[in-house]
Amino acid sequence: MSSTGAGIGFLALFVAAVIAVHVPLGDYMFHVYTSERDWRVEKLIYRLIGANPKAQQPWYAYGRSLLAFSTVSVLFLFFFELLQDKLPLHLHNPATPMTPALAWNTAVSFVTNTNWQAYSGESTEGHLAQMAGLAVQNFVSSAVGIAVAIVLVRGFARTKTLEIGNFWVDLVRGTLRILLPLAFIGAVVLVAGGVIQNFHLHDQVVTTLSGAQQTLPGGPVASQEAIKELGTNGGGFFNANSAHPFENPTRWTNWVQIFLLSAISFSLPRTFGRMVDSKKQGYAIAAVMGVLATVSMVLVEAFQLAHHGTVPTAIGAATEGVEQRFGVFDSAVFSDLTTLTSTGAVDSAHDSYTSIGGLIQLFNMQIGEVAPGGVGSGLYGMLIMAVITVFIAGLMVGRTPEYLGKKIRPREMKLAASYFPVTELLVLLGTGVAMGLPGPRAGMANTGPHGLSEVLYGFTSASNNNGSAFAGLSANTTFYNTALGLAMVLARFLPIILVLALAGSLARQGHTPESPGTLPTHRPQFVGLVAAVTVVLCALTFLPALALGPLAEGIH
C-alpha cells in the first residue's frame, strides 16, 4: 500500500472511531451532569472544601467560584515551580532554572488549559512538579472548560430561573467521573504501546551501537500523556512533545493520541442535544464541527503533499520537520487536529510546514478552535456562533431571532458579539507590540513574512489557549513570558465570564414556542450558514495579518 493510501486508512479509522464513541460518550456525560446522586468520594471532597452540593448558583456566583479556584491554582503552581528544587524527585541540575517570569508563564499556561511551554520539560521540571503540579492542572483545567459548556447548555434548557448549576459539583464530577477513568484507560493503552512510565531521574546510562555512553531520561510519562491529549492540554513531558519516542513510540500510538484529543470534544454535541431534549440539535452542531474539520483537513494535506511554499520543492523536502515514524500524511492529520482543538501537542515541527500549510494551522485557531475545539470551550464557542448566526438570519427576515426556544434579544446579542473580539484583539495587539519593539523582534529565527508568522502564531496560540508554536520563535524572554501569559489569562477568563452571563440571561427567560417564522436550526442549510459565518467573521479580522505573513511567503 502506498504511503498516501496508508494515510487515508489511518484517517478513515480515526473518523470511524470518533463516530463510534459520539453517542455512548455523549450520553455518559449527559448522565454525569444530570444525575442527582453524589458518589461517596465526592461527598468527602465537598465536606473538605466546605461546599454544599445541593445548592445551585446564579451565574455571577458560579463565575466567582471559578475565578477563585483558578486564582488559587495559579498561585499554587507558581510557587511550586519556583520551589521544586526543595522537593523530592527534582532535577539536581536543571538546565533551565525557573525564573519568576517563566514560573508565571508556566503556571498561567497550565491553569488556562493552554500548556504553552517556554522550556524543555525533561531538563527543567522534576517528576513531582510534573505529576502534582502540571498533570493535576491538566485534569482540573479541562474540567473547568467542560463545566462552562454545560452551564451554557443549562441556560438554553432551563426556564425562569437564576440557577445555572454548582461550580464545585461540575468540577468534581468532570474530573472524577469523566477525565480520570478515561485517562487511566488511555495511559494503560499507551504503556502497552511503549510509552514509558517510571521514576528514573536521568540515571539510566546505556551503551549505544557505536560504543558511546548515553543517559536516558525517564519519568511518569504515560500518565501525563493520556490526560495531555484527552483534556486537550498539550503540554509534553519532553521538549519534543509527541514527536519524542518515549511519549509517542509508534504509528498506532500516534493514532491513539489523535483519537484521545478529539473524543470528548466531538462527543459533547451529543450531550448538548440530550440536555436540550433535541438530539437533532446536537447532530447539527456536530455537523458544523465536522464540515469545518473536513475542509481544514483536506487543505492542510493538499498543501503539505504538494511540496509548495516555504519548504523547498526538492525531493523529500516536505518531510522537513516530520518524524519519520509517522510520515507526512499522519503528521499533517495530527497538526490539523491539534490546532482545530485547543490541544497544542505536536508530533512534527509546525515551523517547517509549507507557508499555506502553516496558514491553515493559524486559521484553525483563529476561528476560535470550534471544530471541535477544546474540551468544553469548543462547544460553547460553537454555540456562540450559532447564536450570532440566528441573529443575522433574524435581521434578514425582520423578526426577533430565536434559538432553542430562547429569544436572542439585545442583551444576549451583546454578550455573544463580545465573545470573539477578545481573542482577536489580544492576537493583533500582542503581535503589533512585539513587531514594534527591537527586543521581541530579535527572538525571531527568521526575518520577513516568516518571522511575522512566527510571532503571529505565538500570540494566536496563546490567545486561543492552544499552546503549540512555530518553534523558530525564542519565547523564553521576560517580554514573551509576560505578554503571552497575560494573553492566556485574558483570553481564557474574559470569554468564560461572557458565556456565564449569557447562560444566566437565557435561563431567566421562559420558553418561546416555535412558530411559522422560527428559523429551523437542525437542517443542513443552518449547518452551512453557521460554518460560513464562522469562517467569514475570522477572515474579516485576520486576513490582513495573514496576507503579510504566510500568504506573502507562499507567493514569494
Protein backbone atom coordinates (compact mmCIF):
# COMPACT_ATOMS: atom_id res chain seq x y z
CA MET A 1 0.00 0.00 0.00
CA SER A 2 1.31 3.49 -0.83
CA SER A 3 2.09 5.93 1.97
CA THR A 4 -0.85 8.09 0.90
CA GLY A 5 -3.16 5.06 0.86
CA ALA A 6 -1.97 4.08 4.32
CA GLY A 7 -2.54 7.65 5.48
CA ILE A 8 -6.10 7.64 4.16
CA GLY A 9 -6.72 4.39 6.00
CA PHE A 10 -5.26 5.94 9.15
CA LEU A 11 -7.65 8.89 8.83
CA ALA A 12 -10.67 6.75 7.94
CA LEU A 13 -10.15 4.59 11.03
CA PHE A 14 -9.92 7.74 13.16
CA VAL A 15 -13.19 9.12 11.75
CA ALA A 16 -14.92 5.79 12.34
CA ALA A 17 -13.70 5.66 15.94
CA VAL A 18 -14.86 9.22 16.70
CA ILE A 19 -18.30 8.47 15.24
CA ALA A 20 -18.47 5.22 17.23
CA VAL A 21 -17.90 6.94 20.60
CA HIS A 22 -20.04 10.02 19.84
CA VAL A 23 -23.29 8.56 21.20
CA PRO A 24 -22.11 6.43 24.17
CA LEU A 25 -19.61 9.01 25.45
CA GLY A 26 -22.02 11.89 24.86
CA ASP A 27 -24.80 10.05 26.68
CA TYR A 28 -22.46 9.18 29.55
CA MET A 29 -21.50 12.84 30.01
CA PHE A 30 -25.20 13.75 29.92
CA HIS A 31 -25.85 11.39 32.83
CA VAL A 32 -22.81 12.71 34.72
CA TYR A 33 -24.11 16.28 34.73
CA THR A 34 -27.80 15.49 35.27
CA SER A 35 -27.56 12.79 37.93
CA GLU A 36 -28.95 13.61 41.38
CA ARG A 37 -26.65 11.11 43.09
CA ASP A 38 -23.25 12.02 44.55
CA TRP A 39 -20.52 9.43 44.97
CA ARG A 40 -19.07 8.88 48.43
CA VAL A 41 -15.68 10.23 47.46
CA GLU A 42 -17.40 13.29 46.02
CA LYS A 43 -19.28 13.89 49.28
CA LEU A 44 -15.97 13.70 51.13
CA ILE A 45 -14.43 16.29 48.82
CA TYR A 46 -17.40 18.61 49.28
CA ARG A 47 -17.05 18.38 53.06
CA LEU A 48 -13.31 19.09 52.87
CA ILE A 49 -13.78 22.23 50.76
CA GLY A 50 -16.95 23.35 52.55
CA ALA A 51 -19.22 23.18 49.50
CA ASN A 52 -22.92 22.32 49.56
CA PRO A 53 -23.55 20.08 46.54
CA LYS A 54 -27.30 20.68 46.68
CA ALA A 55 -27.00 24.47 46.45
CA GLN A 56 -27.46 25.98 43.00
CA GLN A 57 -25.65 29.18 41.97
CA PRO A 58 -26.60 32.14 39.78
CA TRP A 59 -24.13 32.90 37.00
CA TYR A 60 -22.19 35.55 38.94
CA ALA A 61 -21.67 33.27 41.96
CA TYR A 62 -20.65 30.44 39.63
CA GLY A 63 -18.18 32.81 38.00
CA ARG A 64 -16.74 33.93 41.34
CA SER A 65 -16.15 30.32 42.36
CA LEU A 66 -14.47 29.56 39.04
CA LEU A 67 -12.20 32.61 39.23
CA ALA A 68 -11.32 31.97 42.88
CA PHE A 69 -10.38 28.36 42.13
CA SER A 70 -8.28 29.39 39.12
CA THR A 71 -6.51 32.15 41.06
CA VAL A 72 -5.54 29.76 43.84
CA SER A 73 -4.37 27.27 41.20
CA VAL A 74 -2.11 29.87 39.55
CA LEU A 75 -0.57 30.87 42.88
CA PHE A 76 -0.05 27.26 43.95
CA LEU A 77 1.61 26.26 40.69
CA PHE A 78 3.70 29.45 40.55
CA PHE A 79 5.32 28.76 43.94
CA PHE A 80 5.52 25.03 43.19
CA GLU A 81 7.63 25.82 40.12
CA LEU A 82 9.94 28.19 42.00
CA LEU A 83 10.43 25.85 44.95
CA GLN A 84 10.56 22.49 43.19
CA ASP A 85 14.30 22.08 43.83
CA LYS A 86 13.46 21.86 47.55
CA LEU A 87 11.03 19.00 46.94
CA PRO A 88 11.53 15.26 46.30
CA LEU A 89 12.02 13.85 42.79
CA HIS A 90 13.51 17.10 41.49
CA LEU A 91 16.27 17.55 38.93
CA HIS A 92 19.58 18.17 40.72
CA ASN A 93 20.98 20.41 38.00
CA PRO A 94 18.18 21.75 35.82
CA ALA A 95 19.39 23.10 32.51
CA THR A 96 16.73 25.82 32.57
CA PRO A 97 16.07 27.00 36.14
CA MET A 98 12.67 28.55 36.73
CA THR A 99 12.80 32.32 36.84
CA PRO A 100 9.79 34.21 38.25
CA ALA A 101 8.75 35.25 34.72
CA LEU A 102 8.99 31.68 33.42
CA ALA A 103 7.20 30.30 36.50
CA TRP A 104 4.39 32.82 35.99
CA ASN A 105 4.10 31.90 32.32
CA THR A 106 4.07 28.19 33.12
CA ALA A 107 1.52 28.47 35.93
CA VAL A 108 -0.84 30.57 33.86
CA SER A 109 -0.31 28.33 30.86
CA PHE A 110 -1.43 25.14 32.60
CA VAL A 111 -4.26 26.69 34.62
CA THR A 112 -5.77 28.20 31.45
CA ASN A 113 -5.54 24.87 29.58
CA THR A 114 -3.03 26.45 27.17
CA ASN A 115 0.07 24.47 28.12
CA TRP A 116 2.43 26.78 26.29
CA GLN A 117 5.95 25.65 27.24
CA ALA A 118 8.84 28.10 27.03
CA TYR A 119 11.18 25.47 28.50
CA SER A 120 12.31 21.89 27.96
CA GLY A 121 10.31 19.62 30.24
CA GLU A 122 12.94 16.94 30.75
CA SER A 123 15.63 19.48 31.71
CA THR A 124 13.51 21.87 33.79
CA GLU A 125 10.68 20.01 35.54
CA GLY A 126 11.20 17.42 38.26
CA HIS A 127 8.90 14.42 38.43
CA LEU A 128 6.91 15.75 41.40
CA ALA A 129 6.32 19.07 39.61
CA GLN A 130 5.21 17.18 36.52
CA MET A 131 2.78 14.98 38.46
CA ALA A 132 1.47 17.09 41.34
CA GLY A 133 1.69 20.40 39.51
CA LEU A 134 1.30 20.17 35.76
CA ALA A 135 -0.67 16.92 35.43
CA VAL A 136 -3.15 17.97 38.12
CA GLN A 137 -3.86 21.18 36.23
CA ASN A 138 -4.30 19.13 33.07
CA PHE A 139 -7.26 17.47 34.79
CA VAL A 140 -8.90 20.40 36.55
CA SER A 141 -8.45 23.00 33.80
CA SER A 142 -10.14 20.59 31.40
CA ALA A 143 -12.95 20.01 33.90
CA VAL A 144 -13.44 23.78 34.15
CA GLY A 145 -13.85 24.02 30.36
CA ILE A 146 -16.45 21.27 30.28
CA ALA A 147 -18.28 22.85 33.22
CA VAL A 148 -18.64 26.19 31.41
CA ALA A 149 -20.03 24.44 28.34
CA ILE A 150 -22.55 22.56 30.47
CA VAL A 151 -23.63 25.82 32.11
CA LEU A 152 -24.36 27.42 28.73
CA VAL A 153 -26.39 24.36 27.74
CA ARG A 154 -28.34 24.64 31.00
CA GLY A 155 -29.07 28.25 30.07
CA PHE A 156 -30.88 27.01 26.98
CA ALA A 157 -32.54 24.11 28.78
CA ARG A 158 -33.78 25.87 31.91
CA THR A 159 -36.56 28.48 32.14
CA LYS A 160 -37.41 31.33 34.50
CA THR A 161 -34.62 30.65 36.96
CA LEU A 162 -31.41 32.28 38.16
CA GLU A 163 -29.81 28.91 38.94
CA ILE A 164 -27.35 27.51 36.40
CA GLY A 165 -25.59 24.84 38.47
CA ASN A 166 -22.93 24.41 41.13
CA PHE A 167 -19.33 25.01 40.07
CA TRP A 168 -17.83 22.68 42.66
CA VAL A 169 -20.13 19.82 41.70
CA ASP A 170 -19.42 20.30 37.99
CA LEU A 171 -15.66 20.50 38.62
CA VAL A 172 -15.52 17.39 40.80
CA ARG A 173 -17.79 15.30 38.58
CA GLY A 174 -15.95 16.25 35.42
CA THR A 175 -12.65 15.28 36.99
CA LEU A 176 -13.64 12.09 38.82
CA ARG A 177 -16.30 10.65 36.54
CA ILE A 178 -15.05 11.62 33.08
CA LEU A 179 -11.40 12.61 32.89
CA LEU A 180 -9.80 10.30 35.47
CA PRO A 181 -11.29 6.99 34.26
CA LEU A 182 -10.76 7.79 30.58
CA ALA A 183 -7.20 8.99 31.23
CA PHE A 184 -6.46 5.80 33.18
CA ILE A 185 -7.60 3.66 30.26
CA GLY A 186 -5.64 5.83 27.84
CA ALA A 187 -2.48 5.58 29.95
CA VAL A 188 -2.70 1.77 30.10
CA VAL A 189 -3.07 1.63 26.31
CA LEU A 190 -0.09 3.95 25.84
CA VAL A 191 2.08 1.91 28.22
CA ALA A 192 1.18 -1.16 26.18
CA GLY A 193 2.34 0.75 23.12
CA GLY A 194 5.75 1.52 24.62
CA VAL A 195 5.28 4.91 26.30
CA ILE A 196 7.47 4.93 29.40
CA GLN A 197 6.14 5.10 32.96
CA ASN A 198 8.80 5.11 35.71
CA PHE A 199 10.53 7.34 38.24
CA HIS A 200 14.05 7.32 36.82
CA LEU A 201 15.82 10.65 37.29
CA HIS A 202 18.17 10.72 34.29
CA ASP A 203 20.14 7.85 35.83
CA GLN A 204 19.73 5.28 33.07
CA VAL A 205 23.08 5.03 31.27
CA VAL A 206 23.21 2.82 28.18
CA THR A 207 25.85 1.94 25.64
CA THR A 208 24.92 2.85 22.07
CA LEU A 209 25.67 0.76 18.98
CA SER A 210 28.77 2.88 18.36
CA GLY A 211 30.04 2.18 21.89
CA ALA A 212 29.32 5.64 23.33
CA GLN A 213 27.62 6.23 26.68
CA GLN A 214 24.21 7.90 26.71
CA THR A 215 21.97 8.92 29.61
CA LEU A 216 18.29 8.29 29.03
CA PRO A 217 15.66 10.46 30.72
CA GLY A 218 12.78 8.75 32.48
CA GLY A 219 9.62 9.68 34.27
CA PRO A 220 5.89 9.08 34.71
CA VAL A 221 5.18 9.90 31.07
CA ALA A 222 2.21 7.75 30.05
CA SER A 223 0.01 9.02 32.89
CA GLN A 224 0.61 12.62 31.81
CA GLU A 225 0.46 11.82 28.10
CA ALA A 226 -3.07 10.45 28.33
CA ILE A 227 -4.61 13.49 30.04
CA LYS A 228 -2.46 15.82 27.95
CA GLU A 229 -4.37 14.64 24.87
CA LEU A 230 -7.72 13.70 26.42
CA GLY A 231 -8.10 17.10 28.09
CA THR A 232 -6.84 18.99 25.01
CA ASN A 233 -3.96 20.31 27.11
CA GLY A 234 -0.88 19.62 25.01
CA GLY A 235 1.96 20.13 27.48
CA GLY A 236 4.59 17.49 26.78
CA PHE A 237 6.78 15.70 29.31
CA PHE A 238 9.67 16.14 26.88
CA ASN A 239 10.63 19.15 24.79
CA ALA A 240 9.95 17.26 21.55
CA ASN A 241 6.40 16.59 22.79
CA SER A 242 4.59 13.85 20.85
CA ALA A 243 7.49 13.54 18.42
CA HIS A 244 9.60 12.06 21.23
CA PRO A 245 9.76 8.24 21.05
CA PHE A 246 9.25 7.95 24.82
CA GLU A 247 5.97 9.89 24.50
CA ASN A 248 4.82 8.51 21.17
CA PRO A 249 6.75 5.39 20.09
CA THR A 250 4.81 4.04 17.12
CA ARG A 251 2.37 4.91 14.39
CA TRP A 252 -0.51 3.29 16.26
CA THR A 253 0.21 5.21 19.48
CA ASN A 254 0.17 8.32 17.29
CA TRP A 255 -3.32 7.30 16.17
CA VAL A 256 -4.38 6.73 19.79
CA GLN A 257 -3.21 10.21 20.75
CA ILE A 258 -5.13 11.83 17.88
CA PHE A 259 -8.23 9.92 18.92
CA LEU A 260 -7.86 10.94 22.57
CA LEU A 261 -7.52 14.64 21.77
CA SER A 262 -10.75 14.55 19.73
CA ALA A 263 -13.04 12.14 21.60
CA ILE A 264 -14.60 14.37 24.27
CA SER A 265 -14.95 17.49 22.12
CA PHE A 266 -16.66 15.60 19.29
CA SER A 267 -18.98 13.87 21.78
CA LEU A 268 -20.12 16.95 23.72
CA PRO A 269 -22.64 17.98 21.00
CA ARG A 270 -24.48 14.75 21.81
CA THR A 271 -24.54 15.79 25.47
CA PHE A 272 -25.89 19.17 24.37
CA GLY A 273 -28.65 17.53 22.32
CA ARG A 274 -29.69 15.32 25.23
CA MET A 275 -29.77 18.21 27.70
CA VAL A 276 -31.94 20.44 25.48
CA ASP A 277 -34.14 17.43 24.70
CA SER A 278 -33.46 17.59 20.97
CA LYS A 279 -30.88 15.15 19.63
CA LYS A 280 -31.16 16.67 16.15
CA GLN A 281 -29.84 19.98 17.52
CA GLY A 282 -26.81 18.12 18.81
CA TYR A 283 -26.28 16.48 15.45
CA ALA A 284 -26.47 19.90 13.76
CA ILE A 285 -23.70 21.31 15.96
CA ALA A 286 -21.60 18.16 15.41
CA ALA A 287 -22.17 18.54 11.67
CA VAL A 288 -20.84 22.11 11.68
CA MET A 289 -17.74 20.92 13.51
CA GLY A 290 -17.36 18.06 11.04
CA VAL A 291 -17.70 20.28 7.97
CA LEU A 292 -15.08 22.76 9.19
CA ALA A 293 -12.72 19.97 10.27
CA THR A 294 -13.06 18.15 6.94
CA VAL A 295 -12.32 21.24 4.86
CA SER A 296 -9.34 22.08 7.05
CA MET A 297 -8.01 18.53 6.86
CA VAL A 298 -8.25 18.40 3.07
CA LEU A 299 -6.47 21.73 2.70
CA VAL A 300 -3.57 21.03 5.03
CA GLU A 301 -2.99 17.60 3.46
CA ALA A 302 -3.14 19.05 -0.04
CA PHE A 303 -0.64 21.80 0.67
CA GLN A 304 1.75 19.53 2.54
CA LEU A 305 1.73 16.76 -0.03
CA ALA A 306 2.07 19.28 -2.87
CA HIS A 307 5.53 20.33 -1.57
CA HIS A 308 4.90 24.02 -2.26
CA GLY A 309 5.57 27.10 -0.11
CA THR A 310 8.33 27.71 2.41
CA VAL A 311 9.77 24.22 2.18
CA PRO A 312 11.88 23.80 -0.98
CA THR A 313 10.45 21.66 -3.76
CA ALA A 314 13.36 19.23 -3.78
CA ILE A 315 12.58 15.54 -3.49
CA GLY A 316 11.61 14.68 0.05
CA ALA A 317 11.55 18.31 1.15
CA ALA A 318 8.03 18.04 2.57
CA THR A 319 9.43 15.68 5.21
CA GLU A 320 11.42 18.51 6.80
CA GLY A 321 10.43 18.70 10.46
CA VAL A 322 8.42 15.46 10.21
CA GLU A 323 9.10 12.44 12.41
CA GLN A 324 9.90 9.60 10.03
CA ARG A 325 7.93 7.08 12.09
CA PHE A 326 4.72 8.92 11.20
CA GLY A 327 5.32 10.40 7.76
CA VAL A 328 3.85 13.49 6.13
CA PHE A 329 0.20 12.39 5.96
CA ASP A 330 -0.18 11.26 9.58
CA SER A 331 1.80 14.24 10.85
CA ALA A 332 -0.45 16.62 8.94
CA VAL A 333 -3.53 14.95 10.47
CA PHE A 334 -2.06 15.44 13.94
CA SER A 335 -1.11 19.07 13.29
CA ASP A 336 -4.55 19.86 11.91
CA LEU A 337 -6.47 18.33 14.81
CA THR A 338 -4.16 19.77 17.45
CA THR A 339 -4.94 23.26 16.13
CA LEU A 340 -8.62 22.57 15.45
CA THR A 341 -8.83 21.60 19.11
CA SER A 342 -7.03 23.59 21.79
CA THR A 343 -4.56 20.78 22.40
CA GLY A 344 -1.33 22.25 21.08
CA ALA A 345 0.55 18.94 21.26
CA VAL A 346 2.80 18.37 18.25
CA ASP A 347 4.36 15.35 16.57
CA SER A 348 6.09 17.45 13.90
CA ALA A 349 7.66 20.91 13.62
CA HIS A 350 4.91 23.34 12.59
CA ASP A 351 7.56 25.93 11.73
CA SER A 352 8.73 23.66 8.90
CA TYR A 353 5.34 23.28 7.24
CA THR A 354 4.67 24.88 3.90
CA SER A 355 3.57 28.50 4.18
CA ILE A 356 -0.05 27.70 3.28
CA GLY A 357 0.01 24.61 5.49
CA GLY A 358 1.06 26.88 8.36
CA LEU A 359 -1.69 29.31 7.37
CA ILE A 360 -4.28 26.55 7.81
CA GLN A 361 -2.92 25.84 11.29
CA LEU A 362 -3.20 29.54 12.14
CA PHE A 363 -6.71 29.78 10.72
CA ASN A 364 -7.83 26.72 12.69
CA MET A 365 -7.02 28.59 15.88
CA GLN A 366 -8.25 31.96 14.69
CA ILE A 367 -11.80 30.73 14.02
CA GLY A 368 -11.95 30.13 17.76
CA GLU A 369 -10.99 26.45 17.78
CA VAL A 370 -14.58 25.30 17.41
CA ALA A 371 -14.17 22.29 15.14
CA PRO A 372 -14.34 20.55 17.57
CA GLY A 373 -12.30 22.85 19.82
CA GLY A 374 -11.06 22.23 23.32
CA VAL A 375 -12.97 20.14 25.83
CA GLY A 376 -15.92 22.37 26.64
CA SER A 377 -14.54 25.51 25.01
CA GLY A 378 -15.21 24.11 21.54
CA LEU A 379 -18.88 23.51 22.33
CA TYR A 380 -19.55 26.85 23.97
CA GLY A 381 -17.64 28.65 21.20
CA MET A 382 -19.75 26.91 18.57
CA LEU A 383 -22.98 27.70 20.42
CA ILE A 384 -21.94 31.36 20.49
CA MET A 385 -21.53 31.18 16.71
CA ALA A 386 -24.98 29.59 16.42
CA VAL A 387 -26.47 32.48 18.43
CA ILE A 388 -24.76 35.03 16.17
CA THR A 389 -26.00 33.17 13.10
CA VAL A 390 -29.66 33.12 14.17
CA PHE A 391 -29.39 36.82 14.96
CA ILE A 392 -28.08 37.53 11.46
CA ALA A 393 -30.86 35.37 10.00
CA GLY A 394 -33.41 37.24 12.12
CA LEU A 395 -32.25 40.56 10.71
CA MET A 396 -32.80 39.20 7.20
CA VAL A 397 -36.47 38.46 7.83
CA GLY A 398 -37.16 41.35 10.22
CA ARG A 399 -38.11 39.43 13.37
CA THR A 400 -36.68 38.78 16.82
CA PRO A 401 -34.35 35.79 16.40
CA GLU A 402 -34.88 32.66 18.48
CA TYR A 403 -32.64 29.70 19.22
CA LEU A 404 -33.83 26.61 21.08
CA GLY A 405 -36.90 28.42 22.34
CA LYS A 406 -34.97 31.42 23.66
CA LYS A 407 -35.20 34.90 22.18
CA ILE A 408 -31.90 36.49 21.21
CA ARG A 409 -32.54 40.00 22.48
CA PRO A 410 -30.09 42.94 22.57
CA ARG A 411 -28.56 41.77 25.89
CA GLU A 412 -27.92 38.24 24.62
CA MET A 413 -26.53 39.54 21.35
CA LYS A 414 -24.17 41.98 23.05
CA LEU A 415 -22.78 39.19 25.21
CA ALA A 416 -22.37 36.85 22.23
CA ALA A 417 -20.89 39.56 19.99
CA SER A 418 -18.35 40.47 22.68
CA TYR A 419 -17.02 36.91 22.87
CA PHE A 420 -14.79 36.66 19.80
CA PRO A 421 -13.27 40.19 19.71
CA VAL A 422 -11.49 39.42 23.00
CA THR A 423 -9.12 36.89 21.44
CA GLU A 424 -8.88 38.77 18.15
CA LEU A 425 -7.79 41.97 19.89
CA LEU A 426 -5.23 40.13 22.01
CA VAL A 427 -3.74 38.40 18.95
CA LEU A 428 -3.41 41.53 16.83
CA LEU A 429 -2.38 43.87 19.66
CA GLY A 430 0.21 41.44 21.00
CA THR A 431 1.66 40.78 17.56
CA GLY A 432 1.78 44.50 16.78
CA VAL A 433 3.60 45.37 20.01
CA ALA A 434 6.09 42.51 19.56
CA MET A 435 6.86 43.51 15.98
CA GLY A 436 7.28 47.16 17.02
CA LEU A 437 9.93 46.51 19.66
CA PRO A 438 13.54 45.51 18.83
CA GLY A 439 13.87 43.05 21.72
CA PRO A 440 10.92 40.80 20.79
CA ARG A 441 11.87 41.01 17.10
CA ALA A 442 15.29 39.64 17.98
CA GLY A 443 13.59 36.45 19.16
CA MET A 444 12.55 35.56 15.61
CA ALA A 445 14.69 32.93 13.93
CA ASN A 446 13.61 34.25 10.53
CA THR A 447 13.08 37.68 9.02
CA GLY A 448 10.43 38.85 6.59
CA PRO A 449 7.00 37.22 6.28
CA HIS A 450 8.01 34.02 8.04
CA GLY A 451 9.31 35.94 11.03
CA LEU A 452 5.96 37.73 11.25
CA SER A 453 4.22 34.35 11.00
CA GLU A 454 6.23 33.07 13.98
CA VAL A 455 5.13 35.97 16.18
CA LEU A 456 1.54 35.90 14.88
CA TYR A 457 1.40 32.16 15.57
CA GLY A 458 2.70 32.66 19.11
CA PHE A 459 0.02 35.20 20.07
CA THR A 460 -2.68 33.29 18.19
CA SER A 461 -1.76 30.13 20.10
CA ALA A 462 -1.64 31.87 23.49
CA SER A 463 -4.83 33.87 22.93
CA ASN A 464 -6.77 30.78 21.87
CA ASN A 465 -5.39 28.64 24.72
CA ASN A 466 -3.70 26.27 22.27
CA GLY A 467 -0.04 26.13 23.26
CA SER A 468 1.64 24.96 20.04
CA ALA A 469 4.27 27.18 18.44
CA PHE A 470 6.29 27.95 15.35
CA ALA A 471 9.42 26.78 17.12
CA GLY A 472 11.61 29.37 15.40
CA LEU A 473 10.45 31.95 17.94
CA SER A 474 12.63 32.17 21.07
CA ALA A 475 9.89 32.86 23.59
CA ASN A 476 11.69 32.32 26.90
CA THR A 477 12.30 36.02 27.49
CA THR A 478 10.83 38.41 30.02
CA PHE A 479 8.73 40.10 27.34
CA TYR A 480 7.23 36.95 25.83
CA ASN A 481 6.76 35.18 29.16
CA THR A 482 4.86 38.20 30.48
CA ALA A 483 2.95 39.18 27.34
CA LEU A 484 1.91 35.67 26.37
CA GLY A 485 0.95 34.95 29.98
CA LEU A 486 -1.35 37.99 30.03
CA ALA A 487 -2.85 36.91 26.71
CA MET A 488 -3.58 33.45 28.13
CA VAL A 489 -5.29 34.82 31.24
CA LEU A 490 -7.45 37.39 29.46
CA ALA A 491 -8.34 35.08 26.56
CA ARG A 492 -9.40 32.30 28.91
CA PHE A 493 -11.40 34.10 31.57
CA LEU A 494 -12.98 37.10 29.85
CA PRO A 495 -14.82 34.86 27.32
CA ILE A 496 -15.80 32.49 30.14
CA ILE A 497 -17.42 35.34 32.09
CA LEU A 498 -19.32 36.40 28.95
CA VAL A 499 -20.51 32.81 28.43
CA LEU A 500 -21.67 32.51 32.03
CA ALA A 501 -23.51 35.85 31.80
CA LEU A 502 -25.19 34.69 28.59
CA ALA A 503 -26.22 31.43 30.26
CA GLY A 504 -27.73 33.36 33.14
CA SER A 505 -29.64 35.65 30.80
CA LEU A 506 -31.02 32.72 28.81
CA ALA A 507 -32.02 30.77 31.92
CA ARG A 508 -34.11 33.71 33.18
CA GLN A 509 -36.27 33.58 30.05
CA GLY A 510 -39.32 31.44 29.55
CA HIS A 511 -39.70 29.08 26.61
CA THR A 512 -40.89 30.57 23.32
CA PRO A 513 -42.90 28.04 21.27
CA GLU A 514 -41.94 27.53 17.64
CA SER A 515 -43.92 29.49 15.07
CA PRO A 516 -44.02 29.55 11.26
CA GLY A 517 -41.38 32.27 11.36
CA THR A 518 -38.94 30.31 13.55
CA LEU A 519 -35.66 29.51 11.80
CA PRO A 520 -35.11 25.72 11.72
CA THR A 521 -31.74 25.17 13.39
CA HIS A 522 -31.32 21.46 12.75
CA ARG A 523 -31.32 21.38 8.95
CA PRO A 524 -28.38 21.33 6.50
CA GLN A 525 -28.89 24.96 5.46
CA PHE A 526 -28.38 26.10 9.07
CA VAL A 527 -25.28 23.92 9.35
CA GLY A 528 -23.86 25.58 6.23
CA LEU A 529 -24.84 29.04 7.44
CA VAL A 530 -23.11 28.62 10.82
CA ALA A 531 -19.98 27.29 9.13
CA ALA A 532 -19.96 30.21 6.69
CA VAL A 533 -20.47 32.82 9.41
CA THR A 534 -17.64 31.29 11.46
CA VAL A 535 -15.18 31.46 8.56
CA VAL A 536 -16.24 34.91 7.33
CA LEU A 537 -16.01 36.56 10.76
CA CYS A 538 -12.50 35.21 11.18
CA ALA A 539 -11.41 36.15 7.65
CA LEU A 540 -12.61 39.73 8.04
CA THR A 541 -10.44 40.12 11.12
CA PHE A 542 -7.26 38.23 10.32
CA LEU A 543 -6.91 38.36 6.52
CA PRO A 544 -4.64 41.46 6.55
CA ALA A 545 -2.25 39.85 9.04
CA LEU A 546 -2.30 36.54 7.16
CA ALA A 547 -1.64 38.38 3.90
CA LEU A 548 1.52 39.93 5.37
CA GLY A 549 2.70 36.62 6.82
CA PRO A 550 2.03 33.15 5.34
CA LEU A 551 0.23 34.36 2.20
CA ALA A 552 3.07 36.71 1.26
CA GLU A 553 5.54 33.91 1.94
CA GLY A 554 3.57 31.47 -0.19
CA ILE A 555 3.57 33.67 -3.30
CA HIS A 556 7.16 34.86 -2.84
